Amino acid sequence: MTPRLQIPAAVTALKTLADRTIRLTVDLGRELNPEQSAAVFALLHLEGWMLFQPTPIDENTVDVPDVVPDFKGEKTPAQRLRGTLYRVWETTDRKITFEQFYREQMEKIIEHYKGKLE
């Protein structure tokens, strides 16, 4: 299990996306030591829960869950498909952007089901 990470950070940008989710940009507040850097890189492409407050978190006084909740059912089928296609794109040579790959794959799926209507 990936350990919890507590480091100084600032929310520096927000962007609403077409699927009604929000992209949050977080900048780390200072240079990280090697262990903190490794912990941050271990989080890349993981889905998890974020607890943010302007002061250091004292786990003795804050209700921080020890168990990672199950995300099943919280994403729409379209969000799950997009996420899966992203993971497939990661395994390619990435000669095209993910957005191009996504549109091509969606077109193939659409054409497949349109063919069933004939």
C-alpha atoms as a PDB file:
ATOM      1  CA  MET A   1       0.000   0.000   0.000  1.00  0.00           C
ATOM      2  CA  THR A   2       1.257   3.489  -0.844  1.00  0.00           C
ATOM      3  CA  PRO A   3       1.925   5.451   2.356  1.00  0.00           C
ATOM      4  CA  ARG A   4       0.167   8.675   3.153  1.00  0.00           C
ATOM      5  CA  LEU A   5       1.988  11.803   2.140  1.00  0.00           C
ATOM      6  CA  GLN A   6       1.878  15.070   4.061  1.00  0.00           C
ATOM      7  CA  ILE A   7       3.822  17.949   2.484  1.00  0.00           C
ATOM      8  CA  PRO A   8       3.276  21.701   2.173  1.00  0.00           C
ATOM      9  CA  ALA A   9       1.297  22.516  -0.969  1.00  0.00           C
ATOM     10  CA  ALA A  10      -0.822  25.222  -2.562  1.00  0.00           C
ATOM     11  CA  VAL A  11      -3.775  24.922  -4.907  1.00  0.00           C
ATOM     12  CA  THR A  12      -2.740  27.179  -7.780  1.00  0.00           C
ATOM     13  CA  ALA A  13      -5.295  26.493 -10.519  1.00  0.00           C
ATOM     14  CA  LEU A  14      -8.719  24.996 -11.142  1.00  0.00           C
ATOM     15  CA  LYS A  15     -10.245  23.993 -14.463  1.00  0.00           C
ATOM     16  CA  THR A  16     -13.679  22.556 -15.140  1.00  0.00           C
ATOM     17  CA  LEU A  17     -13.707  19.747 -17.694  1.00  0.00           C
ATOM     18  CA  ALA A  18     -16.350  18.679 -20.193  1.00  0.00           C
ATOM     19  CA  ASP A  19     -17.254  15.599 -18.134  1.00  0.00           C
ATOM     20  CA  ARG A  20     -18.130  17.912 -15.203  1.00  0.00           C
ATOM     21  CA  THR A  21     -15.037  16.962 -13.215  1.00  0.00           C
ATOM     22  CA  ILE A  22     -12.502  19.500 -11.993  1.00  0.00           C
ATOM     23  CA  ARG A  23      -8.766  19.492 -12.694  1.00  0.00           C
ATOM     24  CA  LEU A  24      -6.884  20.765  -9.684  1.00  0.00           C
ATOM     25  CA  THR A  25      -3.281  21.969  -9.962  1.00  0.00           C
ATOM     26  CA  VAL A  26      -1.289  21.656  -6.768  1.00  0.00           C
ATOM     27  CA  ASP A  27       2.206  23.138  -6.425  1.00  0.00           C
ATOM     28  CA  LEU A  28       4.424  21.825  -3.684  1.00  0.00           C
ATOM     29  CA  GLY A  29       5.490  24.469  -1.197  1.00  0.00           C
ATOM     30  CA  ARG A  30       9.201  23.714  -1.011  1.00  0.00           C
ATOM     31  CA  GLU A  31      11.943  21.494  -2.349  1.00  0.00           C
ATOM     32  CA  LEU A  32      11.352  17.882  -1.383  1.00  0.00           C
ATOM     33  CA  ASN A  33      13.866  15.515   0.119  1.00  0.00           C
ATOM     34  CA  PRO A  34      14.543  12.279  -1.843  1.00  0.00           C
ATOM     35  CA  GLU A  35      12.031  10.240   0.188  1.00  0.00           C
ATOM     36  CA  GLN A  36       9.268  12.794  -0.352  1.00  0.00           C
ATOM     37  CA  SER A  37      10.076  13.011  -4.070  1.00  0.00           C
ATOM     38  CA  ALA A  38       9.883   9.224  -4.385  1.00  0.00           C
ATOM     39  CA  ALA A  39       6.541   9.243  -2.557  1.00  0.00           C
ATOM     40  CA  VAL A  40       5.156  11.923  -4.908  1.00  0.00           C
ATOM     41  CA  PHE A  41       6.266  10.022  -8.020  1.00  0.00           C
ATOM     42  CA  ALA A  42       4.699   6.839  -6.629  1.00  0.00           C
ATOM     43  CA  LEU A  43       1.335   8.637  -6.693  1.00  0.00           C
ATOM     44  CA  LEU A  44       1.415   9.281 -10.455  1.00  0.00           C
ATOM     45  CA  HIS A  45      -1.745   7.888 -12.110  1.00  0.00           C
ATOM     46  CA  LEU A  46      -3.134   6.581  -8.822  1.00  0.00           C
ATOM     47  CA  GLU A  47      -6.626   7.430  -7.756  1.00  0.00           C
ATOM     48  CA  GLY A  48      -7.074   8.245  -4.115  1.00  0.00           C
ATOM     49  CA  TRP A  49      -8.556  10.602  -1.585  1.00  0.00           C
ATOM     50  CA  MET A  50      -7.174  14.041  -0.853  1.00  0.00           C
ATOM     51  CA  LEU A  51      -7.406  15.806   2.477  1.00  0.00           C
ATOM     52  CA  PHE A  52      -6.393  19.449   2.345  1.00  0.00           C
ATOM     53  CA  GLN A  53      -6.202  21.998   5.128  1.00  0.00           C
ATOM     54  CA  PRO A  54      -4.073  25.107   5.600  1.00  0.00           C
ATOM     55  CA  THR A  55      -2.217  23.715   8.636  1.00  0.00           C
ATOM     56  CA  PRO A  56      -0.343  20.441   9.215  1.00  0.00           C
ATOM     57  CA  ILE A  57      -2.699  17.543   9.796  1.00  0.00           C
ATOM     58  CA  ASP A  58      -2.663  15.923  13.218  1.00  0.00           C
ATOM     59  CA  GLU A  59      -4.035  12.436  12.666  1.00  0.00           C
ATOM     60  CA  ASN A  60      -4.923  12.198  16.358  1.00  0.00           C
ATOM     61  CA  THR A  61      -7.459  15.012  16.054  1.00  0.00           C
ATOM     62  CA  VAL A  62      -8.652  14.586  12.448  1.00  0.00           C
ATOM     63  CA  ASP A  63     -10.797  11.726  11.229  1.00  0.00           C
ATOM     64  CA  VAL A  64      -8.465  10.314   8.558  1.00  0.00           C
ATOM     65  CA  PRO A  65      -9.641   6.915   7.273  1.00  0.00           C
ATOM     66  CA  ASP A  66      -7.162   4.018   7.414  1.00  0.00           C
ATOM     67  CA  VAL A  67      -9.040   2.096   4.742  1.00  0.00           C
ATOM     68  CA  VAL A  68      -9.050   3.200   1.110  1.00  0.00           C
ATOM     69  CA  PRO A  69     -12.701   3.472   0.045  1.00  0.00           C
ATOM     70  CA  ASP A  70     -13.959   1.595  -3.001  1.00  0.00           C
ATOM     71  CA  PHE A  71     -14.502   3.961  -5.945  1.00  0.00           C
ATOM     72  CA  LYS A  72     -16.741   1.536  -7.808  1.00  0.00           C
ATOM     73  CA  GLY A  73     -19.960   3.186  -8.858  1.00  0.00           C
ATOM     74  CA  GLU A  74     -18.732   6.757  -8.413  1.00  0.00           C
ATOM     75  CA  LYS A  75     -17.595   7.230 -12.020  1.00  0.00           C
ATOM     76  CA  THR A  76     -19.899   7.253 -15.002  1.00  0.00           C
ATOM     77  CA  PRO A  77     -19.412   4.526 -17.620  1.00  0.00           C
ATOM     78  CA  ALA A  78     -18.039   7.206 -19.986  1.00  0.00           C
ATOM     79  CA  GLN A  79     -15.448   8.275 -17.394  1.00  0.00           C
ATOM     80  CA  ARG A  80     -14.434   4.660 -16.853  1.00  0.00           C
ATOM     81  CA  LEU A  81     -14.066   4.091 -20.616  1.00  0.00           C
ATOM     82  CA  ARG A  82     -11.966   7.242 -21.019  1.00  0.00           C
ATOM     83  CA  GLY A  83      -9.730   6.172 -18.125  1.00  0.00           C
ATOM     84  CA  THR A  84      -9.305   2.708 -19.602  1.00  0.00           C
ATOM     85  CA  LEU A  85      -8.446   4.142 -23.017  1.00  0.00           C
ATOM     86  CA  TYR A  86      -5.873   6.383 -21.340  1.00  0.00           C
ATOM     87  CA  ARG A  87      -4.214   3.350 -19.765  1.00  0.00           C
ATOM     88  CA  VAL A  88      -4.158   1.628 -23.185  1.00  0.00           C
ATOM     89  CA  TRP A  89      -2.655   4.778 -24.753  1.00  0.00           C
ATOM     90  CA  GLU A  90       0.098   4.699 -22.104  1.00  0.00           C
ATOM     91  CA  THR A  91       1.205   1.306 -23.484  1.00  0.00           C
ATOM     92  CA  THR A  92       1.576   2.658 -27.040  1.00  0.00           C
ATOM     93  CA  ASP A  93       4.549   4.471 -28.577  1.00  0.00           C
ATOM     94  CA  ARG A  94       2.562   7.739 -28.124  1.00  0.00           C
ATOM     95  CA  LYS A  95       3.151   9.104 -31.611  1.00  0.00           C
ATOM     96  CA  ILE A  96      -0.163  10.911 -31.245  1.00  0.00           C
ATOM     97  CA  THR A  97      -1.642  12.784 -28.300  1.00  0.00           C
ATOM     98  CA  PHE A  98      -4.062  11.043 -25.984  1.00  0.00           C
ATOM     99  CA  GLU A  99      -6.868  13.272 -27.277  1.00  0.00           C
ATOM    100  CA  GLN A 100      -6.223  12.095 -30.857  1.00  0.00           C
ATOM    101  CA  PHE A 101      -5.992   8.471 -29.710  1.00  0.00           C
ATOM    102  CA  TYR A 102      -9.213   8.857 -27.705  1.00  0.00           C
ATOM    103  CA  ARG A 103     -11.141  10.305 -30.648  1.00  0.00           C
ATOM    104  CA  GLU A 104      -9.885   7.554 -32.999  1.00  0.00           C
ATOM    105  CA  GLN A 105     -10.854   4.805 -30.569  1.00  0.00           C
ATOM    106  CA  MET A 106     -14.271   6.355 -29.912  1.00  0.00           C
ATOM    107  CA  GLU A 107     -14.877   6.563 -33.665  1.00  0.00           C
ATOM    108  CA  LYS A 108     -14.024   2.843 -33.990  1.00  0.00           C
ATOM    109  CA  ILE A 109     -16.455   1.996 -31.193  1.00  0.00           C
ATOM    110  CA  ILE A 110     -19.180   4.148 -32.771  1.00  0.00           C
ATOM    111  CA  GLU A 111     -18.652   2.596 -36.214  1.00  0.00           C
ATOM    112  CA  HIS A 112     -18.745  -0.896 -34.685  1.00  0.00           C
ATOM    113  CA  TYR A 113     -22.183  -0.287 -33.182  1.00  0.00           C
ATOM    114  CA  LYS A 114     -23.490   1.603 -36.208  1.00  0.00           C
ATOM    115  CA  GLY A 115     -22.615  -1.503 -38.239  1.00  0.00           C
ATOM    116  CA  LYS A 116     -24.949  -3.533 -36.045  1.00  0.00           C
ATOM    117  CA  LEU A 117     -27.835  -1.262 -37.071  1.00  0.00           C
ATOM    118  CA  GLU A 118     -27.586  -2.137 -40.775  1.00  0.00           C
END
